[in-house]
Protein backbone atom coordinates (compact mmCIF):
# COMPACT_ATOMS: atom_id res chain seq x y z
CA MET A 1 37.91 34.21 -16.63
CA THR A 2 40.61 35.33 -19.09
CA ALA A 3 41.19 32.90 -21.92
CA PRO A 4 44.60 31.17 -21.91
CA SER A 5 47.07 32.44 -24.45
CA PRO A 6 47.15 30.30 -27.59
CA THR A 7 50.94 30.53 -27.66
CA GLU A 8 51.64 29.57 -24.07
CA ALA A 9 51.18 26.48 -21.93
CA PRO A 10 47.54 26.31 -20.79
CA ALA A 11 46.28 26.86 -17.33
CA PRO A 12 44.96 23.75 -15.60
CA GLU A 13 41.28 24.80 -15.65
CA PRO A 14 40.29 23.25 -19.01
CA ALA A 15 41.71 19.87 -18.07
CA ALA A 16 40.06 20.00 -14.70
CA ALA A 17 36.77 20.75 -16.34
CA GLY A 18 37.21 17.94 -18.80
CA VAL A 19 37.77 14.26 -18.45
CA ALA A 20 40.26 13.30 -15.78
CA ALA A 21 43.32 11.70 -17.25
CA PRO A 22 44.14 8.17 -16.14
CA ARG A 23 46.88 7.94 -13.56
CA ARG A 24 48.95 5.54 -15.64
CA ARG A 25 50.44 7.08 -18.78
CA THR A 26 51.84 4.25 -20.88
CA PHE A 27 52.70 5.91 -24.24
CA GLY A 28 56.05 7.69 -24.59
CA LEU A 29 57.09 9.59 -27.73
CA ALA A 30 58.03 6.41 -29.63
CA ALA A 31 54.79 4.59 -28.75
CA ALA A 32 52.66 7.69 -29.43
CA THR A 33 54.36 8.25 -32.81
CA ALA A 34 53.86 4.56 -33.61
CA LEU A 35 50.19 4.90 -32.65
CA VAL A 36 49.79 7.81 -35.08
CA THR A 37 51.80 6.17 -37.87
CA GLY A 38 50.22 2.77 -37.28
CA ASN A 39 46.68 4.16 -37.37
CA ILE A 40 47.39 6.24 -40.47
CA ILE A 41 49.21 3.51 -42.39
CA GLY A 42 46.65 0.76 -42.16
CA GLY A 43 44.46 -0.60 -44.91
CA GLY A 44 44.22 2.67 -46.80
CA ILE A 45 47.61 2.65 -48.50
CA PHE A 46 47.18 -0.98 -49.54
CA ALA A 47 43.78 -0.52 -51.17
CA LEU A 48 43.44 3.14 -52.17
CA PRO A 49 45.82 3.26 -55.19
CA ALA A 50 43.27 1.09 -57.01
CA ALA A 51 40.32 3.07 -55.61
CA VAL A 52 41.64 6.40 -56.96
CA ALA A 53 43.07 5.00 -60.22
CA PRO A 54 39.81 5.81 -62.12
CA TYR A 55 40.57 9.50 -61.55
CA GLY A 56 43.97 9.18 -63.25
CA THR A 57 47.30 10.55 -62.09
CA VAL A 58 45.54 13.73 -60.95
CA SER A 59 45.02 11.74 -57.74
CA LEU A 60 48.76 12.16 -57.05
CA VAL A 61 48.15 15.91 -56.89
CA ALA A 62 45.35 15.22 -54.43
CA PHE A 63 47.76 13.15 -52.32
CA VAL A 64 50.23 16.04 -52.09
CA VAL A 65 47.49 18.54 -51.17
CA LEU A 66 46.09 16.14 -48.59
CA SER A 67 49.54 15.55 -47.09
CA VAL A 68 49.88 19.29 -46.46
CA ALA A 69 46.40 19.33 -44.92
CA ALA A 70 47.25 16.36 -42.68
CA VAL A 71 50.39 18.09 -41.36
CA LEU A 72 48.33 21.22 -40.61
CA LEU A 73 45.81 19.07 -38.70
CA ALA A 74 48.69 17.47 -36.77
CA LEU A 75 49.93 20.94 -35.77
CA LEU A 76 46.37 21.93 -34.82
CA PHE A 77 45.90 18.91 -32.56
CA GLY A 78 49.28 19.50 -30.96
CA LYS A 79 48.21 23.05 -30.03
CA LEU A 80 44.83 21.87 -28.76
CA ALA A 81 46.45 19.13 -26.65
CA ARG A 82 48.51 21.77 -24.85
CA ARG A 83 45.23 23.31 -23.70
CA SER A 84 43.41 20.06 -22.80
CA PRO A 85 45.86 17.12 -22.43
CA VAL A 86 43.16 14.55 -21.67
CA THR A 87 41.64 11.46 -23.26
CA GLY A 88 38.99 12.14 -25.91
CA GLY A 89 40.54 15.33 -27.29
CA LEU A 90 38.31 15.82 -30.35
CA TYR A 91 35.28 15.61 -28.07
CA VAL A 92 36.76 17.82 -25.32
CA TYR A 93 37.77 20.74 -27.58
CA PRO A 94 34.31 21.51 -29.06
CA ARG A 95 32.64 20.84 -25.70
CA ASP A 96 34.86 23.34 -23.89
CA ALA A 97 34.42 25.96 -26.61
CA PHE A 98 30.75 25.63 -27.59
CA GLY A 99 29.03 23.54 -24.94
CA PRO A 100 27.84 19.95 -24.47
CA PHE A 101 25.80 19.64 -27.69
CA ALA A 102 28.81 20.46 -29.88
CA GLY A 103 30.91 18.06 -27.84
CA PHE A 104 28.33 15.32 -28.24
CA LEU A 105 28.05 15.83 -32.02
CA SER A 106 31.83 15.63 -32.34
CA ALA A 107 32.04 12.50 -30.18
CA TRP A 108 29.12 10.83 -31.95
CA SER A 109 30.49 11.64 -35.40
CA TYR A 110 34.00 10.47 -34.50
CA TRP A 111 32.67 7.30 -32.93
CA THR A 112 30.60 6.63 -36.06
CA MET A 113 33.68 7.23 -38.20
CA CYS A 114 35.65 4.78 -36.08
CA TRP A 115 33.34 1.80 -36.34
CA VAL A 116 32.57 2.45 -40.01
CA SER A 117 36.30 2.79 -40.65
CA ILE A 118 36.97 -0.42 -38.75
CA ALA A 119 34.49 -2.22 -41.01
CA ALA A 120 36.22 -0.72 -44.08
CA LEU A 121 39.63 -1.86 -42.83
CA ALA A 122 38.31 -5.38 -42.27
CA VAL A 123 36.97 -5.38 -45.84
CA ALA A 124 40.39 -4.21 -47.11
CA VAL A 125 42.00 -7.33 -45.65
CA VAL A 126 40.02 -9.55 -48.01
CA GLY A 127 41.85 -8.58 -51.21
CA TYR A 128 45.23 -9.49 -49.71
CA VAL A 129 44.04 -12.70 -48.07
CA ASP A 130 42.78 -13.65 -51.54
CA VAL A 131 46.39 -13.39 -52.79
CA LEU A 132 47.51 -15.85 -50.08
CA ILE A 133 44.47 -18.16 -50.12
CA PRO A 134 42.27 -17.82 -53.22
CA LEU A 135 38.67 -17.15 -52.19
CA HIS A 136 37.33 -17.47 -55.77
CA GLY A 137 34.94 -14.56 -55.37
CA ASN A 138 32.85 -16.38 -52.75
CA HIS A 139 31.17 -13.56 -50.83
CA ALA A 140 30.39 -15.78 -47.86
CA LEU A 141 34.08 -16.65 -47.44
CA GLU A 142 35.10 -13.04 -48.00
CA GLY A 143 32.65 -11.93 -45.32
CA LEU A 144 34.06 -14.50 -42.86
CA VAL A 145 37.61 -13.28 -43.54
CA ALA A 146 36.53 -9.67 -42.90
CA LEU A 147 34.83 -10.69 -39.64
CA ALA A 148 37.92 -12.59 -38.47
CA ALA A 149 40.08 -9.53 -39.23
CA LEU A 150 37.72 -7.47 -37.09
CA TRP A 151 37.33 -9.75 -34.07
CA LEU A 152 40.93 -10.92 -33.56
CA PRO A 153 42.29 -7.42 -32.71
CA ALA A 154 39.09 -6.68 -30.78
CA ALA A 155 39.88 -9.63 -28.54
CA ALA A 156 43.50 -8.45 -28.18
CA ASN A 157 42.32 -5.04 -26.91
CA PHE A 158 41.03 -6.57 -23.71
CA ALA A 159 44.67 -7.24 -22.70
CA GLY A 160 45.13 -3.51 -21.98
CA THR A 161 46.75 -0.33 -23.28
CA ARG A 162 50.30 -1.57 -22.70
CA TRP A 163 49.62 -4.46 -25.05
CA VAL A 164 48.08 -2.11 -27.61
CA GLY A 165 51.18 0.13 -27.49
CA ALA A 166 53.53 -2.84 -27.92
CA VAL A 167 51.52 -4.24 -30.83
CA GLN A 168 51.51 -0.81 -32.51
CA LEU A 169 55.31 -0.53 -32.27
CA VAL A 170 55.91 -3.99 -33.72
CA SER A 171 53.27 -3.79 -36.45
CA THR A 172 54.38 -0.28 -37.48
CA VAL A 173 57.96 -1.46 -38.03
CA LEU A 174 56.81 -4.61 -39.85
CA LYS A 175 54.73 -2.64 -42.35
CA PHE A 176 56.70 0.62 -42.57
CA VAL A 177 59.98 -0.94 -43.70
CA PRO A 178 58.55 -3.03 -46.60
CA LEU A 179 56.40 -0.13 -47.76
CA LEU A 180 59.40 2.19 -47.70
CA LEU A 181 61.35 -0.34 -49.76
CA VAL A 182 58.56 -0.48 -52.38
CA ALA A 183 58.33 3.32 -52.33
CA THR A 184 62.07 3.69 -53.04
CA ILE A 185 63.23 0.60 -54.97
CA GLY A 186 60.00 0.54 -56.98
CA LEU A 187 60.79 3.97 -58.44
CA PHE A 188 63.70 2.44 -60.39
CA PHE A 189 61.29 0.10 -62.22
CA VAL A 190 58.63 2.67 -63.10
CA ASP A 191 57.34 2.68 -66.69
CA ALA A 192 55.91 6.05 -67.73
CA ASP A 193 53.40 4.35 -70.05
CA ASN A 194 51.70 2.72 -67.05
CA PHE A 195 50.54 6.01 -65.53
CA GLY A 196 47.64 6.44 -67.93
CA PRO A 197 45.79 9.73 -68.49
CA PHE A 198 46.25 12.67 -66.12
CA ASN A 199 42.51 13.17 -65.60
CA ALA A 200 40.43 10.10 -66.46
CA SER A 201 37.39 11.11 -64.42
CA GLY A 202 35.53 13.24 -66.97
CA GLN A 203 35.29 16.03 -64.38
CA SER A 204 37.19 19.30 -64.25
CA THR A 205 40.66 19.05 -62.75
CA PRO A 206 39.67 20.82 -59.48
CA GLY A 207 36.62 18.55 -59.23
CA ALA A 208 38.72 15.44 -59.83
CA VAL A 209 41.27 16.54 -57.20
CA ALA A 210 38.49 17.14 -54.64
CA ALA A 211 36.81 13.80 -55.39
CA ALA A 212 40.09 11.88 -55.20
CA ALA A 213 41.04 13.70 -51.99
CA ALA A 214 37.73 12.71 -50.40
CA LEU A 215 38.66 9.06 -50.93
CA LEU A 216 42.29 9.58 -49.96
CA LEU A 217 41.39 11.26 -46.67
CA TYR A 218 40.60 7.77 -45.43
CA SER A 219 44.32 6.97 -45.69
CA PHE A 220 45.16 9.89 -43.34
CA LEU A 221 42.52 9.21 -40.70
CA GLY A 222 44.47 8.64 -37.51
CA VAL A 223 46.42 11.91 -37.50
CA GLU A 224 44.46 12.73 -34.33
CA SER A 225 45.32 9.45 -32.55
CA ALA A 226 47.76 10.94 -30.04
CA ALA A 227 45.29 13.73 -29.19
CA VAL A 228 42.45 11.26 -28.65
CA SER A 229 44.69 9.17 -26.37
CA ALA A 230 46.36 12.14 -24.64
CA GLY A 231 45.35 10.77 -21.24
CA GLU A 232 47.63 7.77 -21.82
CA VAL A 233 50.56 9.80 -23.25
CA GLU A 234 53.53 10.87 -21.11
CA ASP A 235 54.00 14.66 -20.99
CA PRO A 236 51.07 15.16 -23.41
CA GLU A 237 51.53 18.93 -23.70
CA ARG A 238 54.74 18.33 -25.65
CA THR A 239 54.51 14.72 -26.80
CA VAL A 240 51.13 14.86 -28.55
CA GLY A 241 52.20 17.60 -30.97
CA ARG A 242 55.57 15.98 -31.74
CA ALA A 243 54.11 12.52 -32.21
CA SER A 244 51.32 13.86 -34.44
CA VAL A 245 53.68 15.74 -36.75
CA LEU A 246 56.37 13.03 -36.88
CA GLY A 247 53.86 10.26 -37.53
CA THR A 248 52.05 12.27 -40.20
CA LEU A 249 55.23 13.31 -42.04
CA ALA A 250 56.58 9.74 -42.10
CA SER A 251 53.24 8.45 -43.38
CA ALA A 252 52.99 11.16 -46.05
CA VAL A 253 56.44 10.35 -47.48
CA VAL A 254 55.63 6.64 -47.73
CA TYR A 255 52.18 7.35 -49.16
CA ILE A 256 53.27 9.68 -51.94
CA LEU A 257 56.32 7.69 -53.04
CA GLY A 258 54.48 4.38 -52.71
CA THR A 259 51.52 5.55 -54.78
CA VAL A 260 53.82 6.93 -57.49
CA ALA A 261 55.59 3.55 -57.59
CA VAL A 262 52.32 1.60 -57.85
CA PHE A 263 50.99 3.88 -60.59
CA GLY A 264 54.21 3.44 -62.53
CA LEU A 265 54.53 -0.32 -62.04
CA VAL A 266 50.97 -1.51 -62.73
CA PRO A 267 49.30 -0.58 -66.05
CA HIS A 268 46.40 1.82 -65.51
CA ASP A 269 43.69 -0.42 -66.98
CA ARG A 270 44.82 -3.26 -64.71
CA LEU A 271 45.24 -1.08 -61.63
CA VAL A 272 41.62 0.12 -61.83
CA ASN A 273 40.41 -3.47 -61.25
CA SER A 274 43.12 -4.58 -58.83
CA GLY A 275 42.13 -5.98 -55.45
CA ALA A 276 45.73 -5.90 -54.15
CA PRO A 277 47.62 -3.10 -55.96
CA PHE A 278 50.79 -3.28 -53.87
CA ALA A 279 51.06 -7.03 -54.44
CA ASP A 280 50.71 -6.42 -58.18
CA ALA A 281 53.41 -3.73 -57.98
CA VAL A 282 55.87 -6.01 -56.19
CA ASN A 283 55.18 -8.79 -58.70
CA ALA A 284 56.06 -6.33 -61.45
CA ILE A 285 59.42 -5.66 -59.74
CA THR A 286 60.30 -9.31 -59.07
CA GLY A 287 58.84 -10.77 -62.24
CA GLY A 288 57.18 -13.56 -60.25
CA SER A 289 54.53 -14.13 -57.63
CA TRP A 290 56.63 -14.51 -54.47
CA GLY A 291 57.00 -10.76 -54.04
CA GLY A 292 53.25 -10.27 -54.18
CA THR A 293 52.79 -13.03 -51.61
CA ALA A 294 55.29 -11.33 -49.29
CA ILE A 295 53.61 -7.92 -49.57
CA ALA A 296 50.22 -9.56 -49.04
CA LEU A 297 51.49 -10.97 -45.73
CA VAL A 298 52.74 -7.51 -44.78
CA ALA A 299 49.38 -5.99 -45.72
CA VAL A 300 47.40 -8.48 -43.62
CA ALA A 301 49.69 -7.90 -40.62
CA SER A 302 49.54 -4.13 -41.17
CA ILE A 303 45.78 -3.89 -41.36
CA THR A 304 45.34 -6.18 -38.37
CA GLY A 305 47.73 -4.04 -36.33
CA CYS A 306 45.92 -0.90 -37.50
CA LEU A 307 42.60 -2.38 -36.40
CA ASN A 308 44.17 -3.00 -33.01
CA GLY A 309 44.83 0.74 -32.60
CA TRP A 310 41.56 1.93 -34.17
CA ILE A 311 39.46 -0.23 -31.88
CA LEU A 312 41.19 1.45 -28.93
CA MET A 313 40.43 4.89 -30.43
CA ALA A 314 36.81 3.90 -31.00
CA ALA A 315 36.43 2.94 -27.33
CA GLN A 316 38.18 6.00 -25.88
CA MET A 317 36.10 8.75 -27.51
CA PRO A 318 32.73 7.59 -26.10
CA TYR A 319 34.51 6.83 -22.80
CA ALA A 320 35.42 10.51 -22.47
CA ALA A 321 31.89 11.64 -23.37
CA ALA A 322 30.26 9.04 -21.09
CA ARG A 323 32.18 10.41 -18.10
CA ASP A 324 30.42 13.72 -18.72
CA GLY A 325 27.04 12.02 -19.05
CA LEU A 326 26.92 12.66 -22.83
CA PHE A 327 27.15 9.01 -23.85
CA PRO A 328 25.43 5.97 -22.33
CA LYS A 329 26.95 5.11 -18.95
CA PRO A 330 28.30 1.62 -19.88
CA PHE A 331 30.85 3.30 -22.18
CA SER A 332 32.56 4.85 -19.13
CA LYS A 333 33.51 1.51 -17.57
CA VAL A 334 37.19 0.59 -17.83
CA GLY A 335 38.53 -2.97 -17.60
CA LYS A 336 41.61 -4.11 -15.70
CA GLY A 337 43.86 -3.40 -18.66
CA GLY A 338 42.77 0.24 -18.87
CA VAL A 339 40.64 -0.26 -22.01
CA PRO A 340 36.92 0.68 -22.01
CA ALA A 341 35.57 -2.84 -22.48
CA PHE A 342 31.99 -1.97 -23.42
CA GLY A 343 33.26 0.42 -26.09
CA VAL A 344 35.31 -2.38 -27.66
CA TRP A 345 32.31 -4.69 -27.71
CA ALA A 346 30.10 -1.98 -29.19
CA VAL A 347 32.32 -1.12 -32.16
CA ALA A 348 33.00 -4.80 -32.87
CA VAL A 349 29.29 -5.63 -32.97
CA LEU A 350 28.41 -2.55 -35.06
CA GLY A 351 31.27 -3.27 -37.45
CA THR A 352 30.01 -6.83 -37.81
CA LEU A 353 26.50 -5.61 -38.68
CA LEU A 354 27.86 -3.14 -41.23
CA ILE A 355 29.98 -5.81 -42.93
CA ALA A 356 27.02 -8.20 -43.01
CA LEU A 357 24.63 -5.57 -44.42
CA ASN A 358 26.95 -4.27 -47.12
CA TYR A 359 28.85 -7.33 -48.28
CA THR A 360 26.11 -8.42 -50.66
CA ALA A 361 27.25 -5.59 -52.97
CA GLY A 362 30.79 -7.01 -53.19
CA PRO A 363 34.02 -5.93 -51.45
CA ASP A 364 35.02 -3.24 -53.95
CA THR A 365 31.68 -1.43 -53.75
CA THR A 366 31.53 -1.88 -49.98
CA PHE A 367 35.01 -0.44 -49.48
CA ARG A 368 34.26 2.67 -51.56
CA VAL A 369 30.93 3.33 -49.79
CA LEU A 370 32.43 2.88 -46.33
CA VAL A 371 35.43 5.07 -47.15
CA LEU A 372 33.25 7.97 -48.31
CA ILE A 373 31.05 7.75 -45.19
CA THR A 374 34.17 7.91 -42.99
CA THR A 375 35.31 11.01 -44.90
CA PHE A 376 32.21 12.92 -43.82
CA THR A 377 31.97 11.60 -40.26
CA GLY A 378 35.73 12.07 -39.76
CA CYS A 379 35.76 15.65 -41.03
CA VAL A 380 32.98 16.84 -38.69
CA PRO A 381 35.19 16.53 -35.54
CA TYR A 382 38.11 18.07 -37.46
CA LEU A 383 35.89 20.99 -38.46
CA LEU A 384 34.59 21.50 -34.91
CA SER A 385 38.08 21.24 -33.40
CA ALA A 386 39.44 23.84 -35.82
CA ALA A 387 36.48 26.07 -35.00
CA ALA A 388 37.19 25.65 -31.28
CA GLN A 389 40.79 26.75 -31.79
CA LEU A 390 39.63 29.78 -33.80
CA PHE A 391 37.18 30.61 -31.01
CA TRP A 392 39.89 30.52 -28.36
CA LEU A 393 42.31 32.54 -30.50
CA VAL A 394 39.73 35.26 -31.12
CA GLN A 395 38.94 35.28 -27.40
CA GLY A 396 42.59 35.82 -26.38
CA THR A 397 43.53 39.19 -24.89
CA ARG A 398 46.10 41.49 -26.51
CA GLU A 399 48.40 41.40 -23.45
CA ARG A 400 48.78 37.59 -23.50
CA VAL A 401 49.11 36.93 -27.24
CA ARG A 402 52.32 37.33 -29.19
CA PRO A 403 51.44 38.68 -32.68
CA ALA A 404 53.74 36.24 -34.51
CA GLY A 405 52.34 33.27 -32.62
CA LEU A 406 48.78 34.47 -33.12
CA ALA A 407 49.24 34.82 -36.87
CA ARG A 408 50.76 31.33 -37.09
CA ASP A 409 48.06 29.66 -35.01
CA LEU A 410 45.26 31.50 -36.81
CA THR A 411 46.67 30.38 -40.16
CA VAL A 412 46.90 26.74 -39.05
CA ALA A 413 43.37 26.74 -37.58
CA ALA A 414 41.79 28.58 -40.53
CA LEU A 415 43.43 26.32 -43.14
CA SER A 416 42.48 23.22 -41.13
CA PHE A 417 38.86 24.41 -41.09
CA ALA A 418 38.95 25.18 -44.82
CA PHE A 419 40.50 21.80 -45.72
CA SER A 420 37.91 19.94 -43.62
CA PHE A 421 35.08 21.84 -45.30
CA TRP A 422 36.56 21.17 -48.76
CA LEU A 423 36.88 17.45 -48.07
CA ILE A 424 33.26 17.20 -46.89
CA ALA A 425 32.17 18.85 -50.14
CA GLY A 426 34.39 16.51 -52.16
CA ALA A 427 32.87 13.39 -50.59
CA GLY A 428 29.83 13.78 -52.84
CA TYR A 429 26.09 14.00 -52.27
CA ALA A 430 25.59 10.33 -51.43
CA ALA A 431 28.32 10.24 -48.77
CA VAL A 432 27.15 13.52 -47.20
CA TYR A 433 23.55 12.27 -47.22
CA GLN A 434 24.47 8.97 -45.55
CA GLY A 435 26.86 10.70 -43.15
CA VAL A 436 24.20 13.23 -42.09
CA LEU A 437 21.79 10.36 -41.40
CA PHE A 438 24.41 8.72 -39.15
CA LEU A 439 25.04 12.08 -37.44
CA PHE A 440 21.38 13.01 -36.86
CA ALA A 441 20.61 9.52 -35.58
CA GLY A 442 22.56 10.54 -32.47
CA ILE A 443 20.32 13.51 -31.61
CA PRO A 444 17.65 11.38 -29.87
CA VAL A 445 20.43 9.83 -27.80
CA TYR A 446 21.61 13.30 -26.75
CA VAL A 447 18.07 14.40 -25.93
CA TRP A 448 17.49 11.36 -23.75
CA LEU A 449 20.83 11.69 -21.93
CA ARG A 450 20.46 15.44 -21.29
CA GLY A 451 16.89 14.95 -20.18
CA ARG A 452 18.01 12.35 -17.67
CA GLN A 453 20.72 14.70 -16.41
CA LYS A 454 18.21 17.52 -15.85
CA GLU A 455 15.82 15.13 -14.13
CA THR A 456 18.58 13.89 -11.79
CA ALA A 457 19.68 17.45 -11.01
CA ALA A 458 16.10 18.48 -10.26
């Protein structure tokens, strides 16, 4: 069969071969954009300025580079969604291009990234709750706060996708406006002496940029949210691409300006050890503590809303794979509200175990470790999706491909692949080692599921 043109609307075959889209599509452009923006702007922006401060202001360069990469990924997912506008996009694309094993690896890696990321987000809440209610460094209390931040939005997910969309709209507005105010008003109070050295890492500048970008990628995870939920999006062939680009651009503007403001408002030596950098930045503007309290409330609401969306994402990816027999069957069951209930339970329980196992090292160490693991496990599906797009572009026939469109799409796919590869390398040996262990742990699951399929067919 002739491959569909990469510059035209796809034929219906790929969608028919993939996961059937739900009959009810509840996310319009506004809700889909809010889902992307809400999942991107979660705990990352509130905690990462302190996490990358040890690298110096070179991390601002990494933020700009990563923003460009995120927009390219948004364009890539928009193109891929035109071909396969179904739930579980980052699983469907590699599966359709390279077969079930590639699809499984992508789904397993993305699912791992989701529940590890959810645990990291829950840990990020702790620093801002500590501003509101001092926890005095008690790790048991901090662990309980992280668990509460995880389970409250997990419980809310059982209400259904309409509730998730409404929560995303409200929480996105509540956090976007205050962050935008800090990112703009804060620039008028910046002190150049607070920025510290350009490269404080001791590495070469390219090495420092790559290392900082590996941490900062965590703040852009979610750019694929509309593609993963394409089955719930109205007119996904057009809406997914628009929502992905709009949500990513809005997030990038707030991220870059907000990080510049924080770097210029909080002295470098203090920022390195800050548990709530945005609260410290607002306190520097107001000259008191009420501003920090207000931004801490915004941060807690923001991260909780982000967890609400990420838990949905974490349930939908294995749902799509389970319908093809490439994930355990319970993941394919959908509750009355349209949310895969078993998937929600699974990520909540796994996130709980991860928080319990890692919290003995302290929240700062835990957050950094979890963030770097999500960088690797998140980039694997990005890499495979970009490779799938390159595969389809190379497969296209001369009669059905416009040269200008082909050059554009090849550039987007090739740069997306290169950025994903670069970010995996920048995550460091420890993160790649731990991420590979998580990834390979799924191979026995695949072997068992495929073996059962063959046995049933026989």
